Amino acid sequence: MFWSCSRGQRIEVGSARETERRAYEIAEEDSKLRDPQRFLKDRYNRKTGDMHEQWLDLVMAYTRRGMCDSDDRFRAISGLATQYLVPYLHGDRVSGQEYLAGLWRKTMAQELAWSMPDGTPKRPGSISLLHQAPVWSWASVPLESAIVMQHTTHAKPWNEQHFQVLQERAPEHDDALGAAERGAFVKSLKVQGQLCRFIDPRSRLIRWDRFRSRSARGGGQYDTSEFRSETVHGRHRTSGKILMLEPHVKEIVGQLDYAYPDQDDPGPWHFVADEALTDLYCLQVGTSSMLLLERTSYSAADGVFGNGFMGLSAYRRVGVCNDFDEMFFLTRGCLTQIFLV
């Protein structure tokens, strides 16, 4: 058992002995506690930028864990979400930040670019959490899933030139706990960004093993020279990797959130069939990050129209790409307002 607050820590060692330490003191043997302690220290000192980086680390550690009741995914992290909002309190009301299904409004573009390195694993007994959180949130992935959050770097700016959240702000009359509780129920997100098709509809599907790896020769990860004058694409069913190639340009490799199912019945998991790959869209969220999306139908019953916006298309996240040339959108992207659901 571990307890931490701004005044100190209490750590249960075994069943009969406890040790007490000063606030934010971290012993070498307790290295696994470094992220939560740093998060609390940055929150205490109101270093919101550093606190946010620690939040990303906490989320990556949190999604790897299991829990007795999968319905508690938001509840179990609500205490940390509440602490995150404390520096944004003006009086007893939160202002200038908003919790949206596990992500934060001010850094939404950065956080939407989370990825599943090898596609969501299909372990026996895995429970889908798609009923709890929208697919654009890390909270929708099954328990005990490893995800990667995109930390802030100078090479990947996240600014309104690429992406904006247009979601109507919640009324600023909640305290930190109320704002965290309200945010857990968000199911859709109105956004604006550069949108276009990811794969040309005329593209030809190629077996993955034909994209020979050239890493042993010190080059890139794939050898696509056989198809340098063609428009082709392929997918690795086990890892969820997806590759698209157009004539005389470098290939783009993305990561699907859900790998292809081993059985004909995918159960509750959401995956993209081979014949639907050319129907995918992409939405730029950063200089070198884009979401892979599929267009979906929706109705007022889905809660999408809660803010009164009508006439916009809805898209569902199916993956992400965090390494591509920004020129990709300059020649084909169109600034578009959509709903992420």
Protein backbone atom coordinates (compact mmCIF):
# COMPACT_ATOMS: atom_id res chain seq x y z
CA MET A 1 0.00 0.00 0.00
CA PHE A 2 1.32 3.46 -0.94
CA TRP A 3 0.06 6.85 0.21
CA SER A 4 1.39 10.18 -1.01
CA CYS A 5 0.39 13.79 -0.48
CA SER A 6 2.04 17.21 -0.35
CA ARG A 7 3.23 16.62 3.22
CA GLY A 8 4.73 13.18 3.00
CA GLN A 9 4.51 9.52 2.03
CA ARG A 10 3.66 6.33 3.84
CA ILE A 11 4.70 3.05 2.31
CA GLU A 12 3.63 -0.33 3.68
CA VAL A 13 6.52 -2.79 3.63
CA GLY A 14 5.28 -6.34 4.07
CA SER A 15 2.30 -6.85 6.36
CA ALA A 16 3.57 -5.45 9.64
CA ARG A 17 5.98 -2.58 9.00
CA GLU A 18 5.52 0.90 7.60
CA THR A 19 8.05 3.54 6.66
CA GLU A 20 7.46 7.27 6.37
CA ARG A 21 9.29 9.66 4.05
CA ARG A 22 9.27 13.36 3.29
CA ALA A 23 7.07 14.67 0.50
CA TYR A 24 8.31 13.64 -2.95
CA GLU A 25 11.33 11.78 -1.59
CA ILE A 26 12.02 8.75 -3.81
CA ALA A 27 14.32 5.96 -2.73
CA GLU A 28 16.22 4.01 -5.37
CA GLU A 29 14.34 0.83 -4.56
CA ASP A 30 11.07 2.64 -5.24
CA SER A 31 11.95 3.71 -8.80
CA LYS A 32 8.55 2.53 -10.03
CA LEU A 33 6.99 5.31 -7.96
CA ARG A 34 8.99 8.04 -9.71
CA ASP A 35 6.34 8.99 -12.27
CA PRO A 36 3.46 9.50 -9.83
CA GLN A 37 5.74 11.33 -7.39
CA ARG A 38 7.07 13.64 -10.07
CA PHE A 39 3.51 14.27 -11.26
CA LEU A 40 2.42 15.25 -7.76
CA LYS A 41 5.49 17.41 -7.25
CA ASP A 42 4.92 19.27 -10.53
CA ARG A 43 1.27 19.73 -9.65
CA TYR A 44 2.23 21.07 -6.22
CA ASN A 45 4.64 23.56 -7.85
CA ARG A 46 2.13 24.37 -10.61
CA LYS A 47 4.56 23.42 -13.38
CA THR A 48 1.81 22.52 -15.83
CA GLY A 49 4.12 21.70 -18.74
CA ASP A 50 6.21 19.23 -16.74
CA MET A 51 3.06 17.89 -15.10
CA HIS A 52 1.59 17.12 -18.49
CA GLU A 53 4.66 15.11 -19.52
CA GLN A 54 4.32 13.08 -16.32
CA TRP A 55 0.62 12.55 -17.08
CA LEU A 56 1.55 10.96 -20.42
CA ASP A 57 3.92 8.57 -18.63
CA LEU A 58 1.23 7.72 -16.09
CA VAL A 59 -1.28 6.91 -18.84
CA MET A 60 1.21 4.56 -20.53
CA ALA A 61 1.76 2.77 -17.22
CA TYR A 62 -1.95 2.74 -16.42
CA THR A 63 -3.18 1.09 -19.63
CA ARG A 64 -0.83 -1.85 -19.00
CA ARG A 65 -2.62 -2.69 -15.78
CA GLY A 66 -5.60 -4.91 -15.17
CA MET A 67 -8.47 -4.32 -12.78
CA CYS A 68 -11.20 -6.41 -11.25
CA ASP A 69 -13.99 -4.35 -12.80
CA SER A 70 -13.28 -3.01 -16.29
CA ASP A 71 -16.02 -0.40 -15.80
CA ASP A 72 -13.67 1.37 -13.37
CA ARG A 73 -11.17 2.54 -15.97
CA PHE A 74 -12.13 6.21 -15.66
CA ARG A 75 -12.95 6.01 -11.96
CA ALA A 76 -9.57 4.55 -11.07
CA ILE A 77 -7.65 7.45 -12.63
CA SER A 78 -10.12 10.17 -11.67
CA GLY A 79 -8.04 11.16 -8.62
CA LEU A 80 -5.04 11.96 -10.80
CA ALA A 81 -7.25 13.75 -13.32
CA THR A 82 -8.62 15.87 -10.48
CA GLN A 83 -5.08 16.72 -9.33
CA TYR A 84 -4.18 17.67 -12.92
CA LEU A 85 -6.94 20.29 -12.85
CA VAL A 86 -5.90 21.88 -9.53
CA PRO A 87 -3.44 24.38 -11.11
CA TYR A 88 -6.30 25.55 -13.34
CA LEU A 89 -8.55 26.46 -10.43
CA HIS A 90 -9.57 30.11 -10.22
CA GLY A 91 -11.23 30.37 -6.89
CA ASP A 92 -13.07 27.08 -6.65
CA ARG A 93 -13.84 26.75 -10.40
CA VAL A 94 -11.77 25.23 -13.20
CA SER A 95 -10.91 27.59 -16.07
CA GLY A 96 -8.59 27.28 -19.06
CA GLN A 97 -8.45 23.48 -19.26
CA GLU A 98 -10.94 20.68 -19.90
CA TYR A 99 -10.86 16.92 -19.42
CA LEU A 100 -12.30 15.08 -22.44
CA ALA A 101 -12.54 11.29 -22.17
CA GLY A 102 -9.05 10.92 -20.68
CA LEU A 103 -7.41 13.61 -22.85
CA TRP A 104 -6.87 17.34 -22.29
CA ARG A 105 -8.25 20.11 -24.48
CA LYS A 106 -5.09 22.27 -24.52
CA THR A 107 -2.92 19.36 -25.72
CA MET A 108 -5.58 17.40 -27.60
CA ALA A 109 -3.67 17.15 -30.91
CA GLN A 110 -0.63 15.70 -29.17
CA GLU A 111 -2.63 13.22 -27.10
CA LEU A 112 -4.79 12.01 -29.99
CA ALA A 113 -1.58 10.69 -31.59
CA TRP A 114 -1.22 7.80 -29.10
CA SER A 115 -0.44 4.49 -30.76
CA MET A 116 -0.53 0.73 -30.24
CA PRO A 117 2.97 -0.44 -31.26
CA ASP A 118 1.82 -3.88 -32.41
CA GLY A 119 -1.93 -3.57 -32.63
CA THR A 120 -4.28 -4.39 -29.79
CA PRO A 121 -3.54 -7.91 -28.49
CA LYS A 122 -6.37 -10.43 -28.49
CA ARG A 123 -5.79 -12.31 -25.25
CA PRO A 124 -8.31 -14.88 -24.06
CA GLY A 125 -10.82 -13.16 -21.84
CA SER A 126 -9.94 -9.64 -23.04
CA ILE A 127 -12.85 -7.27 -22.58
CA SER A 128 -13.61 -4.47 -25.00
CA LEU A 129 -13.98 -1.03 -23.41
CA LEU A 130 -15.52 0.60 -26.49
CA HIS A 131 -18.76 0.98 -24.55
CA GLN A 132 -16.97 3.17 -21.98
CA ALA A 133 -14.88 5.49 -24.11
CA PRO A 134 -14.80 6.73 -27.72
CA VAL A 135 -12.24 5.03 -29.95
CA TRP A 136 -10.16 8.22 -30.22
CA SER A 137 -9.37 7.91 -26.51
CA TRP A 138 -6.67 5.63 -25.05
CA ALA A 139 -9.31 4.63 -22.49
CA SER A 140 -11.09 2.52 -25.13
CA VAL A 141 -8.27 -0.03 -25.50
CA PRO A 142 -8.56 -3.33 -23.59
CA LEU A 143 -7.04 -3.70 -20.15
CA GLU A 144 -3.34 -4.63 -20.00
CA SER A 145 -2.61 -2.98 -23.36
CA ALA A 146 0.70 -1.23 -24.07
CA ILE A 147 0.30 2.16 -25.74
CA VAL A 148 2.78 4.91 -26.65
CA MET A 149 1.95 8.56 -26.02
CA GLN A 150 3.61 11.28 -28.10
CA HIS A 151 5.73 13.42 -25.80
CA THR A 152 6.47 17.04 -26.63
CA THR A 153 9.52 17.53 -28.85
CA HIS A 154 10.80 20.45 -30.90
CA ALA A 155 10.57 18.28 -34.02
CA LYS A 156 6.82 17.78 -33.66
CA PRO A 157 5.01 21.04 -32.96
CA TRP A 158 1.35 20.79 -32.08
CA ASN A 159 -0.43 24.01 -33.02
CA GLU A 160 -3.62 25.39 -34.45
CA GLN A 161 -2.11 25.53 -37.93
CA HIS A 162 -2.69 21.79 -38.16
CA PHE A 163 -5.60 21.06 -35.85
CA GLN A 164 -8.21 22.73 -33.64
CA VAL A 165 -10.75 21.48 -31.13
CA LEU A 166 -14.07 23.18 -31.87
CA GLN A 167 -16.02 21.39 -29.15
CA GLU A 168 -18.21 23.78 -27.22
CA ARG A 169 -16.62 24.30 -23.81
CA ALA A 170 -18.36 22.97 -20.76
CA PRO A 171 -19.75 25.68 -18.43
CA GLU A 172 -17.00 26.78 -16.04
CA HIS A 173 -18.90 26.14 -12.83
CA ASP A 174 -17.30 22.83 -11.81
CA ASP A 175 -14.60 22.35 -9.23
CA ALA A 176 -11.68 20.04 -10.11
CA LEU A 177 -13.48 16.85 -9.08
CA GLY A 178 -16.69 17.80 -10.89
CA ALA A 179 -14.77 18.69 -14.07
CA ALA A 180 -12.96 15.33 -14.02
CA GLU A 181 -16.22 13.45 -13.52
CA ARG A 182 -17.96 15.37 -16.30
CA GLY A 183 -15.11 14.76 -18.74
CA ALA A 184 -15.32 11.00 -18.35
CA PHE A 185 -18.69 11.02 -20.12
CA VAL A 186 -17.60 12.77 -23.32
CA LYS A 187 -18.31 10.55 -26.35
CA SER A 188 -17.68 12.79 -29.37
CA LEU A 189 -15.37 15.60 -30.35
CA LYS A 190 -15.87 18.36 -32.92
CA VAL A 191 -12.54 19.22 -34.56
CA GLN A 192 -11.05 20.98 -37.57
CA GLY A 193 -8.01 19.88 -39.56
CA GLN A 194 -6.58 18.91 -42.92
CA LEU A 195 -8.53 15.86 -44.12
CA CYS A 196 -8.01 13.65 -47.18
CA ARG A 197 -8.01 10.04 -48.29
CA PHE A 198 -5.10 8.00 -46.97
CA ILE A 199 -4.91 5.51 -49.84
CA ASP A 200 -5.82 6.18 -53.46
CA PRO A 201 -8.95 4.14 -54.35
CA ARG A 202 -7.06 2.85 -57.41
CA SER A 203 -4.21 1.49 -55.27
CA ARG A 204 -3.32 -2.19 -55.53
CA LEU A 205 -3.14 -4.41 -52.45
CA ILE A 206 0.25 -6.15 -52.14
CA ARG A 207 1.29 -9.02 -49.88
CA TRP A 208 3.30 -7.67 -46.97
CA ASP A 209 6.25 -10.02 -47.52
CA ARG A 210 6.93 -8.30 -50.85
CA PHE A 211 7.97 -5.14 -49.02
CA ARG A 212 11.38 -6.58 -48.21
CA SER A 213 13.16 -5.12 -45.21
CA ARG A 214 16.32 -3.23 -46.06
CA SER A 215 17.36 -2.40 -42.50
CA ALA A 216 20.36 -4.72 -42.74
CA ARG A 217 21.78 -2.44 -45.45
CA GLY A 218 21.44 0.61 -43.22
CA GLY A 219 18.56 2.17 -45.13
CA GLY A 220 14.92 2.51 -44.19
CA GLN A 221 12.73 -0.21 -42.81
CA TYR A 222 11.16 -1.39 -46.09
CA ASP A 223 12.33 -1.94 -49.64
CA THR A 224 9.63 -0.75 -52.02
CA SER A 225 11.86 -0.31 -55.08
CA GLU A 226 9.92 -3.02 -56.93
CA PHE A 227 6.87 -0.73 -56.92
CA ARG A 228 8.52 2.72 -57.23
CA SER A 229 6.34 3.71 -60.21
CA GLU A 230 3.09 2.24 -58.87
CA THR A 231 0.40 3.11 -56.36
CA VAL A 232 0.20 0.20 -53.92
CA HIS A 233 -0.56 -0.58 -50.29
CA GLY A 234 -0.28 -3.48 -47.89
CA ARG A 235 -1.00 -4.50 -44.32
CA HIS A 236 0.71 -6.78 -41.84
CA ARG A 237 -2.12 -8.72 -40.26
CA THR A 238 -0.29 -9.69 -37.09
CA SER A 239 1.22 -6.35 -36.09
CA GLY A 240 -1.37 -3.99 -37.59
CA LYS A 241 1.22 -2.12 -39.68
CA ILE A 242 -0.15 -0.53 -42.87
CA LEU A 243 1.97 0.82 -45.74
CA MET A 244 0.97 3.04 -48.64
CA LEU A 245 3.19 3.98 -51.58
CA GLU A 246 2.70 6.41 -54.44
CA PRO A 247 4.97 6.82 -57.49
CA HIS A 248 8.45 8.23 -56.84
CA VAL A 249 7.89 9.21 -53.19
CA LYS A 250 8.86 7.59 -49.91
CA GLU A 251 6.37 5.13 -48.44
CA ILE A 252 4.20 6.07 -45.46
CA VAL A 253 3.79 3.47 -42.73
CA GLY A 254 0.95 3.73 -40.23
CA GLN A 255 -0.23 1.65 -37.30
CA LEU A 256 -3.77 0.27 -37.04
CA ASP A 257 -5.16 0.10 -33.52
CA TYR A 258 -6.61 -3.38 -33.99
CA ALA A 259 -4.73 -6.14 -35.80
CA TYR A 260 -6.61 -8.49 -38.10
CA PRO A 261 -8.56 -11.08 -36.06
CA ASP A 262 -7.46 -14.70 -36.08
CA GLN A 263 -11.04 -15.88 -36.48
CA ASP A 264 -13.89 -15.00 -38.79
CA ASP A 265 -15.79 -13.58 -35.82
CA PRO A 266 -13.86 -10.54 -34.50
CA GLY A 267 -16.18 -10.21 -31.50
CA PRO A 268 -16.35 -6.65 -30.12
CA TRP A 269 -13.00 -5.60 -31.63
CA HIS A 270 -13.03 -2.99 -34.33
CA PHE A 271 -10.72 -3.79 -37.24
CA VAL A 272 -10.44 -2.75 -40.88
CA ALA A 273 -11.04 -5.40 -43.55
CA ASP A 274 -8.63 -5.59 -46.49
CA GLU A 275 -11.25 -4.38 -48.95
CA ALA A 276 -11.94 -1.31 -46.77
CA LEU A 277 -8.34 -0.05 -46.61
CA THR A 278 -8.83 2.20 -49.64
CA ASP A 279 -11.79 3.83 -47.88
CA LEU A 280 -9.64 5.19 -45.06
CA TYR A 281 -9.16 8.91 -44.47
CA CYS A 282 -6.44 10.75 -42.60
CA LEU A 283 -6.61 13.86 -40.43
CA GLN A 284 -3.48 15.89 -39.72
CA VAL A 285 -2.98 16.65 -36.02
CA GLY A 286 0.70 17.69 -36.08
CA THR A 287 3.64 18.34 -38.35
CA SER A 288 4.29 14.60 -38.69
CA SER A 289 1.25 13.01 -37.05
CA MET A 290 -2.12 12.07 -38.51
CA LEU A 291 -5.06 9.97 -37.43
CA LEU A 292 -6.30 7.18 -39.68
CA LEU A 293 -10.09 7.31 -39.85
CA GLU A 294 -13.07 5.61 -41.40
CA ARG A 295 -16.27 7.44 -42.15
CA THR A 296 -19.23 6.23 -40.15
CA SER A 297 -22.93 6.86 -39.87
CA TYR A 298 -24.43 8.27 -36.71
CA SER A 299 -27.69 9.48 -35.27
CA ALA A 300 -28.90 11.78 -32.56
CA ALA A 301 -29.19 8.71 -30.33
CA ASP A 302 -25.39 8.44 -30.35
CA GLY A 303 -25.12 11.71 -28.47
CA VAL A 304 -23.21 13.41 -31.27
CA PHE A 305 -25.66 16.26 -31.59
CA GLY A 306 -25.51 17.24 -27.93
CA ASN A 307 -24.15 20.71 -28.78
CA GLY A 308 -26.53 21.32 -31.66
CA PHE A 309 -24.04 20.96 -34.55
CA MET A 310 -25.68 19.51 -37.64
CA GLY A 311 -24.55 18.57 -41.11
CA LEU A 312 -21.02 17.41 -40.28
CA SER A 313 -19.62 14.00 -41.16
CA ALA A 314 -18.55 11.62 -38.41
CA TYR A 315 -15.34 9.60 -38.44
CA ARG A 316 -14.07 6.79 -36.26
CA ARG A 317 -10.40 6.39 -35.44
CA VAL A 318 -8.78 3.15 -36.66
CA GLY A 319 -5.09 4.00 -36.32
CA VAL A 320 -2.35 6.62 -36.46
CA CYS A 321 0.80 7.57 -38.36
CA ASN A 322 3.54 9.51 -36.56
CA ASP A 323 6.16 9.72 -39.29
CA PHE A 324 5.40 11.32 -42.66
CA ASP A 325 6.39 14.32 -44.75
CA GLU A 326 4.20 17.38 -44.17
CA MET A 327 4.05 17.88 -47.94
CA PHE A 328 1.58 14.99 -48.01
CA PHE A 329 -1.24 17.30 -46.90
CA LEU A 330 -0.10 20.39 -48.79
CA THR A 331 -1.03 18.81 -52.11
CA ARG A 332 -4.28 17.09 -51.18
CA GLY A 333 -5.58 18.13 -47.75
CA CYS A 334 -8.72 20.19 -47.31
CA LEU A 335 -9.45 22.09 -44.10
CA THR A 336 -12.55 20.34 -42.81
CA GLN A 337 -14.73 20.27 -39.72
CA ILE A 338 -15.77 16.80 -38.55
CA PHE A 339 -16.92 14.84 -35.54
CA LEU A 340 -14.66 12.21 -34.03
CA VAL A 341 -16.88 9.53 -32.49
